[in-house]
Amino acid sequence: MSERHKIDARGAFCPGPLMELIAKLKLIEIGDEIEVWSTDKGTAADVPEWCKKVGHDCVSVDQEDDHWRVVVRKMK
């Protein structure tokens, strides 16, 4: 059964949230998801673009009150 992990990168600036995501992806199982919280607007564009390049699934990108919430599923 897949798990959902969370990275709270609020307050970190690009490329911090993406670097945290890459590091965490190495530690989780295929099919697991990571929810990244970021106050850096660039994360909302950078993470989906990076996912396309490397073959992971960007499940959703949502703007919450004070941050972006990006969900990524590990595909390989």
C-alpha atoms as a PDB file:
ATOM      1  CA  MET A   1       0.000   0.000   0.000  1.00  0.00           C
ATOM      2  CA  SER A   2       1.380   3.425  -0.920  1.00  0.00           C
ATOM      3  CA  GLU A   3       2.174   6.090   1.632  1.00  0.00           C
ATOM      4  CA  ARG A   4       2.013   9.869   1.527  1.00  0.00           C
ATOM      5  CA  HIS A   5       4.995  11.762   2.900  1.00  0.00           C
ATOM      6  CA  LYS A   6       5.182  15.481   3.612  1.00  0.00           C
ATOM      7  CA  ILE A   7       7.923  18.081   3.188  1.00  0.00           C
ATOM      8  CA  ASP A   8       7.321  21.448   4.815  1.00  0.00           C
ATOM      9  CA  ALA A   9       9.648  23.730   2.835  1.00  0.00           C
ATOM     10  CA  ARG A  10       7.799  26.938   3.648  1.00  0.00           C
ATOM     11  CA  GLY A  11      10.303  29.766   3.943  1.00  0.00           C
ATOM     12  CA  ALA A  12      12.902  28.018   1.748  1.00  0.00           C
ATOM     13  CA  PHE A  13      13.791  29.540  -1.599  1.00  0.00           C
ATOM     14  CA  CYS A  14      14.373  27.902  -4.959  1.00  0.00           C
ATOM     15  CA  PRO A  15      15.920  25.425  -5.461  1.00  0.00           C
ATOM     16  CA  GLY A  16      15.533  24.354  -1.811  1.00  0.00           C
ATOM     17  CA  PRO A  17      12.072  22.740  -2.029  1.00  0.00           C
ATOM     18  CA  LEU A  18      13.037  20.814  -5.184  1.00  0.00           C
ATOM     19  CA  MET A  19      16.298  19.645  -3.600  1.00  0.00           C
ATOM     20  CA  GLU A  20      14.375  18.397  -0.552  1.00  0.00           C
ATOM     21  CA  LEU A  21      11.946  16.570  -2.863  1.00  0.00           C
ATOM     22  CA  ILE A  22      14.779  14.893  -4.806  1.00  0.00           C
ATOM     23  CA  ALA A  23      16.446  13.752  -1.574  1.00  0.00           C
ATOM     24  CA  LYS A  24      13.179  12.346  -0.168  1.00  0.00           C
ATOM     25  CA  LEU A  25      12.313  10.516  -3.414  1.00  0.00           C
ATOM     26  CA  LYS A  26      15.476   8.433  -2.973  1.00  0.00           C
ATOM     27  CA  LEU A  27      14.160   7.161   0.374  1.00  0.00           C
ATOM     28  CA  ILE A  28      10.597   6.155  -0.497  1.00  0.00           C
ATOM     29  CA  GLU A  29       8.968   3.320  -2.458  1.00  0.00           C
ATOM     30  CA  ILE A  30       7.639   3.449  -6.013  1.00  0.00           C
ATOM     31  CA  GLY A  31       3.984   4.507  -5.883  1.00  0.00           C
ATOM     32  CA  ASP A  32       4.419   6.568  -2.707  1.00  0.00           C
ATOM     33  CA  GLU A  33       3.537  10.255  -2.829  1.00  0.00           C
ATOM     34  CA  ILE A  34       5.241  13.313  -1.414  1.00  0.00           C
ATOM     35  CA  GLU A  35       3.317  16.472  -0.577  1.00  0.00           C
ATOM     36  CA  VAL A  36       5.599  19.518  -0.724  1.00  0.00           C
ATOM     37  CA  TRP A  37       4.545  22.735   0.996  1.00  0.00           C
ATOM     38  CA  SER A  38       6.374  25.800  -0.288  1.00  0.00           C
ATOM     39  CA  THR A  39       5.996  29.552  -0.057  1.00  0.00           C
ATOM     40  CA  ASP A  40       8.277  29.956  -3.103  1.00  0.00           C
ATOM     41  CA  LYS A  41       6.017  30.508  -6.123  1.00  0.00           C
ATOM     42  CA  GLY A  42       8.683  29.009  -8.411  1.00  0.00           C
ATOM     43  CA  THR A  43       8.090  25.597  -6.845  1.00  0.00           C
ATOM     44  CA  ALA A  44       4.626  25.435  -8.462  1.00  0.00           C
ATOM     45  CA  ALA A  45       6.243  25.590 -11.914  1.00  0.00           C
ATOM     46  CA  ASP A  46       9.628  23.965 -11.261  1.00  0.00           C
ATOM     47  CA  VAL A  47       8.417  20.716  -9.674  1.00  0.00           C
ATOM     48  CA  PRO A  48       5.952  19.739 -12.465  1.00  0.00           C
ATOM     49  CA  GLU A  49       8.604  20.591 -15.096  1.00  0.00           C
ATOM     50  CA  TRP A  50      11.220  18.500 -13.285  1.00  0.00           C
ATOM     51  CA  CYS A  51       8.749  15.588 -12.939  1.00  0.00           C
ATOM     52  CA  LYS A  52       8.187  15.586 -16.721  1.00  0.00           C
ATOM     53  CA  LYS A  53      11.940  15.484 -17.360  1.00  0.00           C
ATOM     54  CA  VAL A  54      12.709  12.628 -14.986  1.00  0.00           C
ATOM     55  CA  GLY A  55       9.544  10.521 -15.215  1.00  0.00           C
ATOM     56  CA  HIS A  56       7.681  11.043 -11.947  1.00  0.00           C
ATOM     57  CA  ASP A  57       3.986  11.974 -11.782  1.00  0.00           C
ATOM     58  CA  CYS A  58       3.004  15.458 -10.600  1.00  0.00           C
ATOM     59  CA  VAL A  59      -0.421  14.628  -9.151  1.00  0.00           C
ATOM     60  CA  SER A  60      -1.544  18.142  -8.194  1.00  0.00           C
ATOM     61  CA  VAL A  61      -0.476  21.744  -7.686  1.00  0.00           C
ATOM     62  CA  ASP A  62      -2.723  23.800  -5.420  1.00  0.00           C
ATOM     63  CA  GLN A  63      -2.411  27.206  -3.822  1.00  0.00           C
ATOM     64  CA  GLU A  64      -3.343  27.171  -0.151  1.00  0.00           C
ATOM     65  CA  ASP A  65      -3.666  30.272   2.067  1.00  0.00           C
ATOM     66  CA  ASP A  66       0.022  31.117   2.448  1.00  0.00           C
ATOM     67  CA  HIS A  67       1.758  28.407   0.415  1.00  0.00           C
ATOM     68  CA  TRP A  68       1.705  26.070  -2.580  1.00  0.00           C
ATOM     69  CA  ARG A  69       0.959  22.363  -2.123  1.00  0.00           C
ATOM     70  CA  VAL A  70       2.534  20.140  -4.784  1.00  0.00           C
ATOM     71  CA  VAL A  71       1.956  16.373  -4.732  1.00  0.00           C
ATOM     72  CA  VAL A  72       4.412  14.069  -6.557  1.00  0.00           C
ATOM     73  CA  ARG A  73       4.108  10.282  -7.044  1.00  0.00           C
ATOM     74  CA  LYS A  74       7.335   8.279  -7.382  1.00  0.00           C
ATOM     75  CA  MET A  75       7.134   6.332 -10.638  1.00  0.00           C
ATOM     76  CA  LYS A  76      10.534   4.643 -10.907  1.00  0.00           C
END
